[in-house]
Amino acid sequence: MSAQLLIAPEVSLPPTLPAQLPPPLFHLSQILKFGKVPAGDFGRVVGIVYAAGATVQATGYHYLLFLDEQSKSRRELGIRADWIFEEDASLVAQELPSTKPKERESHQGNGWQQQED
């Protein structure tokens, strides 16, 4: 498997951070979807940042999504990653469902492999 570069849109940090940040609602590897975007894109959380803006100008948690191959923006436009603001996100799943019964992804060596239970 060859290494591929994942380029994320830039974010704007707030001028000052609160003394204490609230805990984020979502976590790495969860599957989120865009609730207010007609395309209905979804993907796995691969990054979290407290920012003033990313794809929307709003201060709070923004989650970097690695868009699923079935997401319209990835399928039709080739967009592989995008930021989603916490208030615009909804949880789809803790993990992506496997394509075959009793199959899951596991990381072994330098690549992702499918593994049967």
N, C-alpha and C. Protein backbone atom coordinates (compact mmCIF):
# COMPACT_ATOMS: atom_id res chain seq x y z
N MET A 1 0.85 -1.17 0.00
CA MET A 1 0.00 0.00 0.00
C MET A 1 0.89 1.23 0.00
N SER A 2 0.65 2.14 -0.92
CA SER A 2 1.47 3.34 -0.98
C SER A 2 0.91 4.40 -0.04
N ALA A 3 1.80 5.22 0.49
CA ALA A 3 1.39 6.30 1.38
C ALA A 3 0.71 7.40 0.55
N GLN A 4 -0.37 7.95 1.09
CA GLN A 4 -1.08 9.02 0.40
C GLN A 4 -1.16 10.22 1.33
N LEU A 5 -1.00 11.39 0.77
CA LEU A 5 -1.04 12.63 1.51
C LEU A 5 -2.48 13.08 1.71
N LEU A 6 -2.83 13.43 2.93
CA LEU A 6 -4.16 13.94 3.24
C LEU A 6 -4.03 15.43 3.54
N ILE A 7 -4.60 16.27 2.70
CA ILE A 7 -4.51 17.72 2.87
C ILE A 7 -5.83 18.21 3.44
N ALA A 8 -5.76 18.93 4.56
CA ALA A 8 -6.96 19.46 5.21
C ALA A 8 -7.04 20.97 4.96
N PRO A 9 -8.26 21.49 4.81
CA PRO A 9 -8.42 22.94 4.71
C PRO A 9 -7.87 23.60 5.97
N GLU A 10 -7.41 24.84 5.84
CA GLU A 10 -6.82 25.53 6.98
C GLU A 10 -7.87 25.93 8.01
N VAL A 11 -7.42 26.14 9.25
CA VAL A 11 -8.29 26.59 10.33
C VAL A 11 -7.76 27.90 10.87
N SER A 12 -8.64 28.67 11.52
CA SER A 12 -8.26 29.92 12.18
C SER A 12 -8.37 29.74 13.67
N LEU A 13 -7.28 29.96 14.36
CA LEU A 13 -7.30 29.84 15.81
C LEU A 13 -7.90 31.09 16.43
N PRO A 14 -8.60 30.94 17.57
CA PRO A 14 -9.16 32.13 18.23
C PRO A 14 -8.02 32.97 18.81
N PRO A 15 -8.24 34.29 18.97
CA PRO A 15 -7.18 35.14 19.52
C PRO A 15 -6.76 34.72 20.93
N THR A 16 -7.71 34.23 21.72
CA THR A 16 -7.39 33.71 23.05
C THR A 16 -8.21 32.45 23.28
N LEU A 17 -7.66 31.56 24.07
CA LEU A 17 -8.38 30.35 24.43
C LEU A 17 -9.02 30.51 25.80
N PRO A 18 -10.16 29.88 26.02
CA PRO A 18 -10.77 29.92 27.35
C PRO A 18 -9.82 29.28 28.37
N ALA A 19 -9.94 29.66 29.62
CA ALA A 19 -9.09 29.09 30.67
C ALA A 19 -9.28 27.58 30.76
N GLN A 20 -10.49 27.13 30.54
CA GLN A 20 -10.77 25.69 30.56
C GLN A 20 -11.68 25.35 29.38
N LEU A 21 -11.24 24.40 28.56
CA LEU A 21 -12.05 23.98 27.42
C LEU A 21 -13.06 22.92 27.85
N PRO A 22 -14.26 22.99 27.32
CA PRO A 22 -15.22 21.93 27.62
C PRO A 22 -14.77 20.65 26.91
N PRO A 23 -15.21 19.50 27.38
CA PRO A 23 -14.83 18.26 26.68
C PRO A 23 -15.52 18.21 25.32
N PRO A 24 -14.84 17.69 24.31
CA PRO A 24 -15.48 17.57 22.99
C PRO A 24 -16.60 16.53 23.02
N LEU A 25 -17.61 16.72 22.19
CA LEU A 25 -18.72 15.77 22.12
C LEU A 25 -18.33 14.50 21.38
N PHE A 26 -17.41 14.62 20.43
CA PHE A 26 -17.04 13.49 19.59
C PHE A 26 -15.56 13.18 19.75
N HIS A 27 -15.15 12.00 19.28
CA HIS A 27 -13.78 11.55 19.48
C HIS A 27 -13.20 10.96 18.21
N LEU A 28 -11.89 10.77 18.22
CA LEU A 28 -11.21 10.18 17.08
C LEU A 28 -11.81 8.83 16.72
N SER A 29 -11.89 8.55 15.46
CA SER A 29 -12.36 7.31 14.83
C SER A 29 -13.88 7.16 14.78
N GLN A 30 -14.63 8.06 15.41
CA GLN A 30 -16.08 7.99 15.28
C GLN A 30 -16.49 8.44 13.88
N ILE A 31 -17.66 8.02 13.44
CA ILE A 31 -18.18 8.38 12.13
C ILE A 31 -19.24 9.47 12.32
N LEU A 32 -19.00 10.63 11.70
CA LEU A 32 -19.91 11.76 11.79
C LEU A 32 -20.46 12.09 10.42
N LYS A 33 -21.64 12.71 10.42
CA LYS A 33 -22.20 13.21 9.17
C LYS A 33 -22.55 14.67 9.32
N PHE A 34 -22.56 15.37 8.20
CA PHE A 34 -22.94 16.77 8.16
C PHE A 34 -24.46 16.86 8.21
N GLY A 35 -24.99 17.51 9.23
CA GLY A 35 -26.43 17.60 9.38
C GLY A 35 -27.07 18.69 8.56
N LYS A 36 -26.31 19.76 8.24
CA LYS A 36 -26.90 20.91 7.57
C LYS A 36 -26.38 21.09 6.14
N VAL A 37 -25.78 20.05 5.58
CA VAL A 37 -25.24 20.14 4.23
C VAL A 37 -26.05 19.21 3.33
N PRO A 38 -26.58 19.73 2.22
CA PRO A 38 -27.42 18.90 1.35
C PRO A 38 -26.75 17.62 0.86
N ALA A 39 -25.43 17.65 0.67
CA ALA A 39 -24.73 16.47 0.15
C ALA A 39 -24.77 15.31 1.15
N GLY A 40 -24.93 15.61 2.44
CA GLY A 40 -24.99 14.55 3.44
C GLY A 40 -23.69 13.79 3.60
N ASP A 41 -22.57 14.47 3.42
CA ASP A 41 -21.28 13.81 3.54
C ASP A 41 -21.06 13.24 4.93
N PHE A 42 -20.23 12.19 5.00
CA PHE A 42 -19.90 11.58 6.28
C PHE A 42 -18.51 10.97 6.20
N GLY A 43 -17.91 10.80 7.36
CA GLY A 43 -16.58 10.20 7.38
C GLY A 43 -16.07 10.01 8.80
N ARG A 44 -14.85 9.48 8.89
CA ARG A 44 -14.21 9.15 10.16
C ARG A 44 -13.46 10.36 10.70
N VAL A 45 -13.60 10.62 12.00
CA VAL A 45 -12.87 11.71 12.65
C VAL A 45 -11.39 11.32 12.75
N VAL A 46 -10.53 12.14 12.13
CA VAL A 46 -9.09 11.89 12.17
C VAL A 46 -8.34 13.05 12.83
N GLY A 47 -9.07 14.09 13.24
CA GLY A 47 -8.44 15.22 13.91
C GLY A 47 -9.48 16.07 14.62
N ILE A 48 -9.04 16.72 15.71
CA ILE A 48 -9.92 17.60 16.48
C ILE A 48 -9.13 18.86 16.82
N VAL A 49 -9.77 20.03 16.64
CA VAL A 49 -9.11 21.28 16.97
C VAL A 49 -10.16 22.25 17.53
N TYR A 50 -9.73 23.04 18.53
CA TYR A 50 -10.59 24.12 19.03
C TYR A 50 -10.17 25.35 18.25
N ALA A 51 -11.08 25.86 17.42
CA ALA A 51 -10.71 26.94 16.51
C ALA A 51 -11.81 27.97 16.39
N ALA A 52 -11.46 29.11 15.78
CA ALA A 52 -12.43 30.16 15.52
C ALA A 52 -13.12 29.94 14.19
N GLY A 53 -12.52 29.17 13.33
CA GLY A 53 -13.14 28.92 12.05
C GLY A 53 -12.38 27.90 11.25
N ALA A 54 -13.12 27.17 10.47
CA ALA A 54 -12.54 26.22 9.52
C ALA A 54 -13.37 26.40 8.25
N THR A 55 -14.23 25.47 7.93
CA THR A 55 -15.11 25.66 6.78
C THR A 55 -16.28 26.59 7.14
N VAL A 56 -16.54 26.77 8.44
CA VAL A 56 -17.52 27.75 8.91
C VAL A 56 -16.84 28.63 9.95
N GLN A 57 -17.29 29.87 10.05
CA GLN A 57 -16.73 30.79 11.03
C GLN A 57 -17.51 30.66 12.34
N ALA A 58 -17.02 29.81 13.19
CA ALA A 58 -17.65 29.57 14.49
C ALA A 58 -16.58 29.08 15.45
N THR A 59 -16.60 29.62 16.67
CA THR A 59 -15.60 29.23 17.65
C THR A 59 -16.09 28.01 18.41
N GLY A 60 -15.24 27.02 18.47
CA GLY A 60 -15.56 25.78 19.17
C GLY A 60 -14.78 24.63 18.54
N TYR A 61 -15.21 23.42 18.82
CA TYR A 61 -14.53 22.26 18.28
C TYR A 61 -14.90 22.04 16.82
N HIS A 62 -13.87 21.79 16.03
CA HIS A 62 -14.01 21.42 14.63
C HIS A 62 -13.34 20.06 14.48
N TYR A 63 -13.97 19.18 13.74
CA TYR A 63 -13.48 17.81 13.58
C TYR A 63 -13.07 17.61 12.13
N LEU A 64 -11.87 17.08 11.95
CA LEU A 64 -11.39 16.77 10.60
C LEU A 64 -11.90 15.39 10.23
N LEU A 65 -12.69 15.34 9.16
CA LEU A 65 -13.24 14.07 8.69
C LEU A 65 -12.50 13.59 7.46
N PHE A 66 -12.12 12.32 7.48
CA PHE A 66 -11.65 11.63 6.28
C PHE A 66 -12.92 11.09 5.64
N LEU A 67 -13.34 11.72 4.56
CA LEU A 67 -14.63 11.39 3.97
C LEU A 67 -14.68 9.97 3.45
N ASP A 68 -15.81 9.33 3.69
CA ASP A 68 -16.03 7.97 3.21
C ASP A 68 -16.12 7.97 1.68
N GLU A 69 -15.73 6.87 1.08
CA GLU A 69 -15.78 6.76 -0.38
C GLU A 69 -17.18 6.95 -0.94
N GLN A 70 -18.21 6.70 -0.14
CA GLN A 70 -19.60 6.86 -0.58
C GLN A 70 -20.12 8.28 -0.41
N SER A 71 -19.35 9.15 0.24
CA SER A 71 -19.77 10.55 0.40
C SER A 71 -19.78 11.24 -0.95
N LYS A 72 -20.81 12.02 -1.19
CA LYS A 72 -20.98 12.68 -2.49
C LYS A 72 -19.79 13.56 -2.84
N SER A 73 -19.28 14.34 -1.89
CA SER A 73 -18.16 15.24 -2.18
C SER A 73 -16.89 14.48 -2.56
N ARG A 74 -16.70 13.32 -1.96
CA ARG A 74 -15.51 12.53 -2.32
C ARG A 74 -15.73 11.82 -3.65
N ARG A 75 -16.89 11.25 -3.81
CA ARG A 75 -17.20 10.49 -5.02
C ARG A 75 -17.23 11.38 -6.26
N GLU A 76 -17.88 12.56 -6.16
CA GLU A 76 -18.07 13.41 -7.33
C GLU A 76 -17.02 14.50 -7.49
N LEU A 77 -16.45 14.97 -6.37
CA LEU A 77 -15.50 16.08 -6.44
C LEU A 77 -14.07 15.70 -6.06
N GLY A 78 -13.90 14.50 -5.53
CA GLY A 78 -12.56 14.06 -5.14
C GLY A 78 -12.06 14.66 -3.83
N ILE A 79 -12.96 15.27 -3.05
CA ILE A 79 -12.56 15.85 -1.76
C ILE A 79 -12.41 14.71 -0.76
N ARG A 80 -11.22 14.59 -0.16
CA ARG A 80 -10.94 13.47 0.74
C ARG A 80 -11.11 13.84 2.20
N ALA A 81 -10.97 15.14 2.54
CA ALA A 81 -11.06 15.56 3.95
C ALA A 81 -11.74 16.91 4.05
N ASP A 82 -12.47 17.10 5.15
CA ASP A 82 -13.13 18.37 5.39
C ASP A 82 -13.36 18.53 6.88
N TRP A 83 -13.49 19.78 7.32
CA TRP A 83 -13.77 20.09 8.71
C TRP A 83 -15.27 20.16 8.91
N ILE A 84 -15.73 19.71 10.07
CA ILE A 84 -17.14 19.85 10.43
C ILE A 84 -17.20 20.47 11.82
N PHE A 85 -18.03 21.51 11.96
CA PHE A 85 -18.20 22.18 13.25
C PHE A 85 -19.07 21.31 14.14
N GLU A 86 -18.75 21.29 15.42
CA GLU A 86 -19.42 20.39 16.36
C GLU A 86 -20.95 20.51 16.31
N GLU A 87 -21.46 21.72 16.24
CA GLU A 87 -22.92 21.91 16.24
C GLU A 87 -23.59 21.46 14.95
N ASP A 88 -22.81 21.25 13.90
CA ASP A 88 -23.35 20.79 12.62
C ASP A 88 -23.21 19.29 12.44
N ALA A 89 -22.61 18.62 13.41
CA ALA A 89 -22.29 17.19 13.27
C ALA A 89 -23.28 16.32 14.03
N SER A 90 -23.48 15.13 13.49
CA SER A 90 -24.23 14.12 14.22
C SER A 90 -23.51 12.79 14.08
N LEU A 91 -23.60 11.99 15.13
CA LEU A 91 -22.91 10.71 15.18
C LEU A 91 -23.65 9.69 14.34
N VAL A 92 -22.91 9.02 13.46
CA VAL A 92 -23.48 7.95 12.65
C VAL A 92 -23.16 6.62 13.30
N ALA A 93 -21.88 6.42 13.67
CA ALA A 93 -21.46 5.15 14.26
C ALA A 93 -20.15 5.33 14.99
N GLN A 94 -19.89 4.42 15.89
CA GLN A 94 -18.59 4.42 16.57
C GLN A 94 -17.49 4.02 15.60
N GLU A 95 -17.82 3.13 14.65
CA GLU A 95 -16.88 2.67 13.63
C GLU A 95 -17.65 2.47 12.34
N LEU A 96 -16.93 2.47 11.22
CA LEU A 96 -17.57 2.17 9.95
C LEU A 96 -18.00 0.71 9.92
N PRO A 97 -19.20 0.42 9.42
CA PRO A 97 -19.60 -0.98 9.30
C PRO A 97 -18.74 -1.67 8.26
N SER A 98 -18.48 -2.95 8.47
CA SER A 98 -17.67 -3.70 7.51
C SER A 98 -18.52 -4.06 6.30
N THR A 99 -17.85 -4.38 5.21
CA THR A 99 -18.56 -4.72 4.00
C THR A 99 -19.02 -6.18 3.99
N LYS A 100 -18.42 -7.00 4.83
CA LYS A 100 -18.80 -8.41 4.93
C LYS A 100 -19.14 -8.72 6.38
N PRO A 101 -20.02 -9.68 6.62
CA PRO A 101 -20.35 -10.03 8.00
C PRO A 101 -19.11 -10.47 8.78
N LYS A 102 -19.08 -10.10 10.06
CA LYS A 102 -18.02 -10.49 10.97
C LYS A 102 -16.63 -10.12 10.47
N GLU A 103 -16.54 -8.97 9.82
CA GLU A 103 -15.26 -8.50 9.31
C GLU A 103 -14.99 -7.13 9.91
N ARG A 104 -13.75 -6.85 10.22
CA ARG A 104 -13.42 -5.53 10.76
C ARG A 104 -12.07 -5.12 10.22
N GLU A 105 -11.79 -3.81 10.31
CA GLU A 105 -10.49 -3.31 9.88
C GLU A 105 -9.52 -3.43 11.04
N SER A 106 -8.30 -3.76 10.72
CA SER A 106 -7.26 -3.75 11.74
C SER A 106 -6.00 -3.22 11.12
N HIS A 107 -5.21 -2.56 11.91
CA HIS A 107 -3.96 -1.99 11.43
C HIS A 107 -2.85 -2.98 11.71
N GLN A 108 -2.19 -3.42 10.64
CA GLN A 108 -1.08 -4.34 10.79
C GLN A 108 0.05 -3.85 9.90
N GLY A 109 1.21 -3.66 10.48
CA GLY A 109 2.34 -3.19 9.69
C GLY A 109 2.10 -1.79 9.18
N ASN A 110 2.30 -1.60 7.88
CA ASN A 110 2.18 -0.27 7.29
C ASN A 110 0.84 -0.02 6.61
N GLY A 111 -0.08 -0.98 6.62
CA GLY A 111 -1.33 -0.77 5.91
C GLY A 111 -2.52 -1.30 6.65
N TRP A 112 -3.70 -0.92 6.16
CA TRP A 112 -4.96 -1.41 6.73
C TRP A 112 -5.31 -2.69 6.02
N GLN A 113 -5.77 -3.66 6.80
CA GLN A 113 -6.15 -4.95 6.24
C GLN A 113 -7.50 -5.35 6.81
N GLN A 114 -8.26 -6.07 6.02
CA GLN A 114 -9.51 -6.62 6.52
C GLN A 114 -9.20 -7.89 7.28
N GLN A 115 -9.90 -8.12 8.36
CA GLN A 115 -9.63 -9.27 9.20
C GLN A 115 -10.95 -9.90 9.61
N GLU A 116 -11.08 -11.20 9.49
CA GLU A 116 -12.30 -11.89 9.88
C GLU A 116 -12.22 -12.28 11.34
N ASP A 117 -13.36 -12.26 12.03
CA ASP A 117 -13.43 -12.69 13.44
C ASP A 117 -13.32 -14.18 13.56
